[in-house]
Amino acid sequence: MNGPTLHKTAADCAEELPGAQLEQPFGPDWEVYKVRGKVFMLMTEVPGRPVVILKADPDEAHALREQYRHITPGYHMNKKHWITLEGGEGVDKKLVRELVTDSYLLVVARLPRAERPVDPHTYGTGTRAPR
């Protein structure tokens, strides 16, 4: 997957997530996606290379960096909790969508229950939360 496709795939996925909003608090070169005011994805270019920066579980982030050479520690973010994704071999639409959704759900899970736009434990599984 090339860089422009990476950004489009990530943005398309983020825009489908309940409560997600796009902001540009750092200027036009940075697209920042938030849910209830909390960042779950950033997109920019680092020396001409489009990148997507996402929140990730620390163990998962480590495993992803081991498995994919196009996934590195979070650019300008906490290296333990964030990853940077570049386009390249092995990076397909399915992986991008999974990582964007996982980042979103990690952030939603930390919100107060009353502020959550979805149940982070059942969202996307096809099951409903018990009433």
N, C-alpha and C. Protein backbone atom coordinates (compact mmCIF):
# COMPACT_ATOMS: atom_id res chain seq x y z
N MET A 1 0.86 -1.18 0.00
CA MET A 1 0.00 0.00 0.00
C MET A 1 0.90 1.23 0.00
N ASN A 2 0.57 2.19 -0.86
CA ASN A 2 1.37 3.42 -0.90
C ASN A 2 0.83 4.44 0.10
N GLY A 3 1.56 5.53 0.29
CA GLY A 3 1.22 6.53 1.29
C GLY A 3 -0.14 7.18 1.13
N PRO A 4 -0.47 7.70 -0.07
CA PRO A 4 -1.80 8.32 -0.21
C PRO A 4 -2.94 7.34 0.07
N THR A 5 -2.78 6.09 -0.35
CA THR A 5 -3.80 5.08 -0.08
C THR A 5 -3.87 4.81 1.42
N LEU A 6 -2.72 4.79 2.08
CA LEU A 6 -2.66 4.59 3.54
C LEU A 6 -3.49 5.67 4.23
N HIS A 7 -3.23 6.93 3.91
CA HIS A 7 -3.97 8.03 4.54
C HIS A 7 -5.46 7.93 4.24
N LYS A 8 -5.83 7.64 3.00
CA LYS A 8 -7.25 7.56 2.64
C LYS A 8 -7.93 6.41 3.38
N THR A 9 -7.30 5.26 3.42
CA THR A 9 -7.88 4.10 4.10
C THR A 9 -8.07 4.39 5.59
N ALA A 10 -7.05 4.97 6.23
CA ALA A 10 -7.12 5.29 7.66
C ALA A 10 -8.21 6.33 7.92
N ALA A 11 -8.26 7.38 7.09
CA ALA A 11 -9.26 8.44 7.27
C ALA A 11 -10.67 7.89 7.05
N ASP A 12 -10.85 7.08 6.01
CA ASP A 12 -12.17 6.50 5.74
C ASP A 12 -12.65 5.67 6.92
N CYS A 13 -11.75 4.88 7.49
CA CYS A 13 -12.10 4.05 8.64
C CYS A 13 -12.45 4.92 9.84
N ALA A 14 -11.61 5.91 10.14
CA ALA A 14 -11.84 6.78 11.30
C ALA A 14 -13.18 7.50 11.20
N GLU A 15 -13.52 7.94 9.99
CA GLU A 15 -14.76 8.70 9.82
C GLU A 15 -16.01 7.84 10.02
N GLU A 16 -15.87 6.53 9.93
CA GLU A 16 -17.00 5.62 10.15
C GLU A 16 -17.22 5.32 11.64
N LEU A 17 -16.25 5.65 12.47
CA LEU A 17 -16.34 5.31 13.90
C LEU A 17 -17.23 6.29 14.64
N PRO A 18 -18.16 5.79 15.45
CA PRO A 18 -19.10 6.66 16.17
C PRO A 18 -18.39 7.69 17.05
N GLY A 19 -18.77 8.96 16.88
CA GLY A 19 -18.23 10.03 17.71
C GLY A 19 -16.87 10.55 17.28
N ALA A 20 -16.29 9.99 16.22
CA ALA A 20 -14.96 10.44 15.78
C ALA A 20 -15.06 11.81 15.11
N GLN A 21 -14.07 12.66 15.41
CA GLN A 21 -14.03 14.00 14.83
C GLN A 21 -12.64 14.32 14.34
N LEU A 22 -12.56 15.00 13.21
CA LEU A 22 -11.28 15.42 12.64
C LEU A 22 -10.99 16.86 13.06
N GLU A 23 -9.78 17.09 13.53
CA GLU A 23 -9.33 18.44 13.89
C GLU A 23 -7.95 18.65 13.30
N GLN A 24 -7.52 19.91 13.25
CA GLN A 24 -6.17 20.23 12.80
C GLN A 24 -5.53 21.22 13.78
N PRO A 25 -5.35 20.81 15.04
CA PRO A 25 -4.83 21.74 16.06
C PRO A 25 -3.36 22.11 15.85
N PHE A 26 -2.63 21.33 15.05
CA PHE A 26 -1.21 21.60 14.84
C PHE A 26 -0.94 22.19 13.46
N GLY A 27 -2.00 22.64 12.79
CA GLY A 27 -1.85 23.22 11.47
C GLY A 27 -2.27 22.25 10.38
N PRO A 28 -2.22 22.71 9.12
CA PRO A 28 -2.76 21.95 8.00
C PRO A 28 -1.98 20.66 7.68
N ASP A 29 -0.78 20.52 8.20
CA ASP A 29 0.02 19.33 7.90
C ASP A 29 -0.31 18.14 8.80
N TRP A 30 -1.13 18.35 9.79
CA TRP A 30 -1.49 17.29 10.74
C TRP A 30 -3.00 17.12 10.79
N GLU A 31 -3.47 15.90 10.53
CA GLU A 31 -4.88 15.59 10.72
C GLU A 31 -4.98 14.76 11.99
N VAL A 32 -5.78 15.23 12.94
CA VAL A 32 -5.89 14.59 14.24
C VAL A 32 -7.34 14.12 14.44
N TYR A 33 -7.49 12.84 14.66
CA TYR A 33 -8.82 12.28 14.90
C TYR A 33 -8.99 12.03 16.39
N LYS A 34 -10.13 12.51 16.91
CA LYS A 34 -10.42 12.38 18.33
C LYS A 34 -11.79 11.76 18.53
N VAL A 35 -11.97 11.16 19.70
CA VAL A 35 -13.29 10.71 20.15
C VAL A 35 -13.48 11.32 21.53
N ARG A 36 -14.55 12.07 21.70
CA ARG A 36 -14.85 12.77 22.96
C ARG A 36 -13.63 13.57 23.46
N GLY A 37 -12.94 14.22 22.51
CA GLY A 37 -11.82 15.08 22.86
C GLY A 37 -10.49 14.39 23.07
N LYS A 38 -10.45 13.07 22.94
CA LYS A 38 -9.21 12.30 23.15
C LYS A 38 -8.68 11.79 21.82
N VAL A 39 -7.39 11.99 21.58
CA VAL A 39 -6.76 11.61 20.32
C VAL A 39 -6.65 10.09 20.19
N PHE A 40 -7.03 9.57 19.01
CA PHE A 40 -6.79 8.16 18.75
C PHE A 40 -6.00 7.95 17.45
N MET A 41 -5.87 8.98 16.61
CA MET A 41 -5.10 8.84 15.37
C MET A 41 -4.60 10.19 14.90
N LEU A 42 -3.35 10.21 14.43
CA LEU A 42 -2.77 11.39 13.81
C LEU A 42 -2.23 10.98 12.45
N MET A 43 -2.35 11.88 11.47
CA MET A 43 -1.78 11.62 10.15
C MET A 43 -0.98 12.84 9.72
N THR A 44 0.20 12.57 9.18
CA THR A 44 1.07 13.64 8.67
C THR A 44 2.05 13.02 7.69
N GLU A 45 3.05 13.80 7.31
CA GLU A 45 4.14 13.28 6.50
C GLU A 45 5.44 13.57 7.24
N VAL A 46 6.29 12.56 7.31
CA VAL A 46 7.61 12.75 7.90
C VAL A 46 8.59 12.56 6.77
N PRO A 47 9.46 13.52 6.58
CA PRO A 47 10.19 13.80 5.36
C PRO A 47 9.59 13.16 4.11
N GLY A 48 8.40 13.65 3.73
CA GLY A 48 7.78 13.23 2.48
C GLY A 48 7.12 11.87 2.49
N ARG A 49 7.15 11.17 3.62
CA ARG A 49 6.53 9.85 3.72
C ARG A 49 5.25 9.96 4.54
N PRO A 50 4.10 9.65 3.96
CA PRO A 50 2.85 9.67 4.73
C PRO A 50 2.89 8.63 5.85
N VAL A 51 2.50 9.05 7.05
CA VAL A 51 2.46 8.14 8.18
C VAL A 51 1.13 8.31 8.93
N VAL A 52 0.75 7.24 9.62
CA VAL A 52 -0.42 7.24 10.49
C VAL A 52 0.09 6.84 11.87
N ILE A 53 -0.24 7.63 12.88
CA ILE A 53 0.21 7.38 14.25
C ILE A 53 -1.00 6.97 15.07
N LEU A 54 -0.89 5.80 15.71
CA LEU A 54 -2.03 5.19 16.40
C LEU A 54 -1.67 4.72 17.79
N LYS A 55 -2.66 4.73 18.66
CA LYS A 55 -2.51 4.18 20.00
C LYS A 55 -2.53 2.65 19.88
N ALA A 56 -1.74 1.97 20.71
CA ALA A 56 -1.71 0.51 20.68
C ALA A 56 -1.38 -0.01 22.07
N ASP A 57 -1.94 -1.16 22.40
CA ASP A 57 -1.59 -1.84 23.63
C ASP A 57 -0.08 -2.10 23.59
N PRO A 58 0.67 -1.84 24.68
CA PRO A 58 2.12 -1.99 24.64
C PRO A 58 2.61 -3.36 24.16
N ASP A 59 1.99 -4.44 24.61
CA ASP A 59 2.42 -5.77 24.15
C ASP A 59 2.13 -5.96 22.68
N GLU A 60 0.95 -5.51 22.26
CA GLU A 60 0.56 -5.60 20.85
C GLU A 60 1.49 -4.74 19.98
N ALA A 61 1.83 -3.55 20.46
CA ALA A 61 2.71 -2.65 19.72
C ALA A 61 4.07 -3.31 19.50
N HIS A 62 4.59 -3.95 20.52
CA HIS A 62 5.88 -4.63 20.41
C HIS A 62 5.80 -5.75 19.36
N ALA A 63 4.74 -6.55 19.44
CA ALA A 63 4.56 -7.66 18.49
C ALA A 63 4.43 -7.13 17.05
N LEU A 64 3.69 -6.03 16.88
CA LEU A 64 3.52 -5.46 15.55
C LEU A 64 4.85 -4.96 14.98
N ARG A 65 5.66 -4.33 15.83
CA ARG A 65 6.96 -3.83 15.37
C ARG A 65 7.88 -4.99 14.98
N GLU A 66 7.75 -6.10 15.69
CA GLU A 66 8.55 -7.29 15.35
C GLU A 66 8.10 -7.89 14.02
N GLN A 67 6.80 -7.87 13.77
CA GLN A 67 6.23 -8.54 12.60
C GLN A 67 6.31 -7.71 11.31
N TYR A 68 6.17 -6.38 11.43
CA TYR A 68 6.10 -5.51 10.25
C TYR A 68 7.21 -4.46 10.30
N ARG A 69 7.99 -4.42 9.24
CA ARG A 69 9.06 -3.42 9.23
C ARG A 69 8.53 -2.00 9.00
N HIS A 70 7.28 -1.88 8.57
CA HIS A 70 6.69 -0.56 8.33
C HIS A 70 5.92 -0.04 9.55
N ILE A 71 6.05 -0.73 10.67
CA ILE A 71 5.47 -0.26 11.93
C ILE A 71 6.62 0.01 12.89
N THR A 72 6.68 1.25 13.37
CA THR A 72 7.77 1.69 14.24
C THR A 72 7.17 2.38 15.47
N PRO A 73 8.00 2.70 16.47
CA PRO A 73 7.47 3.42 17.64
C PRO A 73 6.82 4.74 17.24
N GLY A 74 5.87 5.20 18.04
CA GLY A 74 5.10 6.40 17.74
C GLY A 74 5.95 7.64 17.54
N TYR A 75 5.79 8.29 16.40
CA TYR A 75 6.51 9.51 16.06
C TYR A 75 6.02 10.65 16.95
N HIS A 76 6.93 11.25 17.70
CA HIS A 76 6.61 12.36 18.63
C HIS A 76 5.59 11.97 19.70
N MET A 77 5.45 10.68 19.99
CA MET A 77 4.48 10.23 20.99
C MET A 77 5.18 9.27 21.94
N ASN A 78 4.48 8.85 22.99
CA ASN A 78 5.00 7.86 23.92
C ASN A 78 5.28 6.58 23.14
N LYS A 79 6.54 6.16 23.12
CA LYS A 79 6.96 5.03 22.28
C LYS A 79 6.39 3.70 22.74
N LYS A 80 5.93 3.65 23.97
CA LYS A 80 5.38 2.40 24.51
C LYS A 80 3.91 2.23 24.10
N HIS A 81 3.18 3.32 24.01
CA HIS A 81 1.73 3.27 23.81
C HIS A 81 1.27 3.69 22.41
N TRP A 82 2.20 4.11 21.56
CA TRP A 82 1.83 4.58 20.22
C TRP A 82 2.73 3.93 19.17
N ILE A 83 2.16 3.72 17.98
CA ILE A 83 2.93 3.18 16.86
C ILE A 83 2.79 4.11 15.66
N THR A 84 3.78 4.06 14.79
CA THR A 84 3.73 4.78 13.53
C THR A 84 3.65 3.75 12.42
N LEU A 85 2.70 3.94 11.53
CA LEU A 85 2.46 3.03 10.43
C LEU A 85 2.78 3.74 9.12
N GLU A 86 3.61 3.11 8.29
CA GLU A 86 3.91 3.63 6.96
C GLU A 86 3.36 2.65 5.94
N GLY A 87 3.13 3.13 4.73
CA GLY A 87 2.73 2.24 3.65
C GLY A 87 3.91 1.37 3.25
N GLY A 88 3.61 0.19 2.76
CA GLY A 88 4.69 -0.68 2.31
C GLY A 88 4.26 -2.12 2.27
N GLU A 89 5.18 -2.98 2.00
CA GLU A 89 4.91 -4.40 1.88
C GLU A 89 4.30 -4.96 3.17
N GLY A 90 3.22 -5.70 3.03
CA GLY A 90 2.56 -6.31 4.19
C GLY A 90 1.51 -5.42 4.83
N VAL A 91 1.49 -4.14 4.45
CA VAL A 91 0.51 -3.21 5.01
C VAL A 91 -0.65 -3.13 4.01
N ASP A 92 -1.78 -3.76 4.38
CA ASP A 92 -2.94 -3.75 3.49
C ASP A 92 -4.11 -3.05 4.17
N LYS A 93 -5.20 -2.88 3.42
CA LYS A 93 -6.37 -2.16 3.96
C LYS A 93 -6.91 -2.81 5.21
N LYS A 94 -6.93 -4.13 5.25
CA LYS A 94 -7.46 -4.85 6.41
C LYS A 94 -6.65 -4.52 7.66
N LEU A 95 -5.32 -4.55 7.55
CA LEU A 95 -4.46 -4.23 8.69
C LEU A 95 -4.67 -2.79 9.14
N VAL A 96 -4.71 -1.86 8.20
CA VAL A 96 -4.89 -0.44 8.55
C VAL A 96 -6.21 -0.26 9.30
N ARG A 97 -7.29 -0.84 8.76
CA ARG A 97 -8.61 -0.71 9.40
C ARG A 97 -8.59 -1.33 10.81
N GLU A 98 -7.95 -2.48 10.97
CA GLU A 98 -7.86 -3.12 12.29
C GLU A 98 -7.13 -2.23 13.28
N LEU A 99 -5.99 -1.67 12.86
CA LEU A 99 -5.18 -0.84 13.76
C LEU A 99 -5.88 0.46 14.13
N VAL A 100 -6.57 1.08 13.17
CA VAL A 100 -7.32 2.31 13.46
C VAL A 100 -8.45 2.01 14.45
N THR A 101 -9.19 0.93 14.20
CA THR A 101 -10.30 0.56 15.09
C THR A 101 -9.78 0.19 16.48
N ASP A 102 -8.69 -0.55 16.55
CA ASP A 102 -8.10 -0.91 17.85
C ASP A 102 -7.69 0.33 18.63
N SER A 103 -7.09 1.30 17.95
CA SER A 103 -6.67 2.54 18.60
C SER A 103 -7.89 3.28 19.17
N TYR A 104 -8.92 3.39 18.35
CA TYR A 104 -10.17 4.04 18.76
C TYR A 104 -10.74 3.35 20.00
N LEU A 105 -10.81 2.02 19.98
CA LEU A 105 -11.41 1.28 21.10
C LEU A 105 -10.58 1.40 22.37
N LEU A 106 -9.25 1.47 22.25
CA LEU A 106 -8.41 1.69 23.43
C LEU A 106 -8.74 3.02 24.09
N VAL A 107 -8.94 4.05 23.28
CA VAL A 107 -9.27 5.37 23.81
C VAL A 107 -10.68 5.36 24.41
N VAL A 108 -11.64 4.78 23.70
CA VAL A 108 -13.02 4.72 24.19
C VAL A 108 -13.09 3.99 25.53
N ALA A 109 -12.31 2.92 25.68
CA ALA A 109 -12.33 2.13 26.92
C ALA A 109 -11.88 2.95 28.12
N ARG A 110 -11.09 4.00 27.91
CA ARG A 110 -10.60 4.84 29.01
C ARG A 110 -11.53 5.99 29.33
N LEU A 111 -12.58 6.17 28.52
CA LEU A 111 -13.54 7.24 28.78
C LEU A 111 -14.50 6.81 29.90
N PRO A 112 -15.06 7.78 30.63
CA PRO A 112 -16.11 7.42 31.58
C PRO A 112 -17.25 6.72 30.83
N ARG A 113 -17.83 5.72 31.43
CA ARG A 113 -18.86 4.90 30.78
C ARG A 113 -19.95 5.75 30.12
N ALA A 114 -20.38 6.81 30.78
CA ALA A 114 -21.46 7.64 30.25
C ALA A 114 -21.06 8.40 28.98
N GLU A 115 -19.75 8.57 28.75
CA GLU A 115 -19.28 9.33 27.58
C GLU A 115 -18.94 8.44 26.39
N ARG A 116 -18.94 7.14 26.59
CA ARG A 116 -18.53 6.22 25.52
C ARG A 116 -19.59 6.17 24.41
N PRO A 117 -19.19 6.44 23.16
CA PRO A 117 -20.15 6.35 22.06
C PRO A 117 -20.51 4.90 21.70
N VAL A 118 -19.65 3.96 22.10
CA VAL A 118 -19.89 2.53 21.86
C VAL A 118 -19.34 1.76 23.06
N ASP A 119 -19.75 0.50 23.19
CA ASP A 119 -19.16 -0.38 24.20
C ASP A 119 -17.87 -0.94 23.59
N PRO A 120 -16.70 -0.58 24.15
CA PRO A 120 -15.44 -1.00 23.53
C PRO A 120 -15.22 -2.51 23.54
N HIS A 121 -15.97 -3.22 24.37
CA HIS A 121 -15.78 -4.67 24.45
C HIS A 121 -16.60 -5.43 23.43
N THR A 122 -17.66 -4.81 22.90
CA THR A 122 -18.51 -5.51 21.95
C THR A 122 -18.55 -4.84 20.58
N TYR A 123 -18.05 -3.61 20.44
CA TYR A 123 -18.12 -2.90 19.17
C TYR A 123 -17.41 -3.69 18.06
N GLY A 124 -18.13 -3.89 16.97
CA GLY A 124 -17.55 -4.57 15.83
C GLY A 124 -17.57 -6.08 15.89
N THR A 125 -18.07 -6.65 16.99
CA THR A 125 -18.09 -8.10 17.12
C THR A 125 -19.41 -8.69 16.65
N GLY A 126 -20.39 -7.82 16.42
CA GLY A 126 -21.69 -8.32 15.98
C GLY A 126 -22.58 -8.72 17.15
N THR A 127 -22.05 -8.58 18.38
CA THR A 127 -22.86 -8.90 19.55
C THR A 127 -23.26 -7.61 20.24
N ARG A 128 -24.32 -7.66 20.98
CA ARG A 128 -24.79 -6.48 21.70
C ARG A 128 -24.44 -6.63 23.17
N ALA A 129 -24.25 -5.51 23.80
CA ALA A 129 -24.01 -5.53 25.24
C ALA A 129 -25.30 -5.90 25.95
N PRO A 130 -25.20 -6.62 27.06
CA PRO A 130 -26.41 -6.93 27.80
C PRO A 130 -27.07 -5.68 28.33
N ARG A 131 -28.38 -5.68 28.41
CA ARG A 131 -29.11 -4.49 28.89
C ARG A 131 -29.25 -4.53 30.39
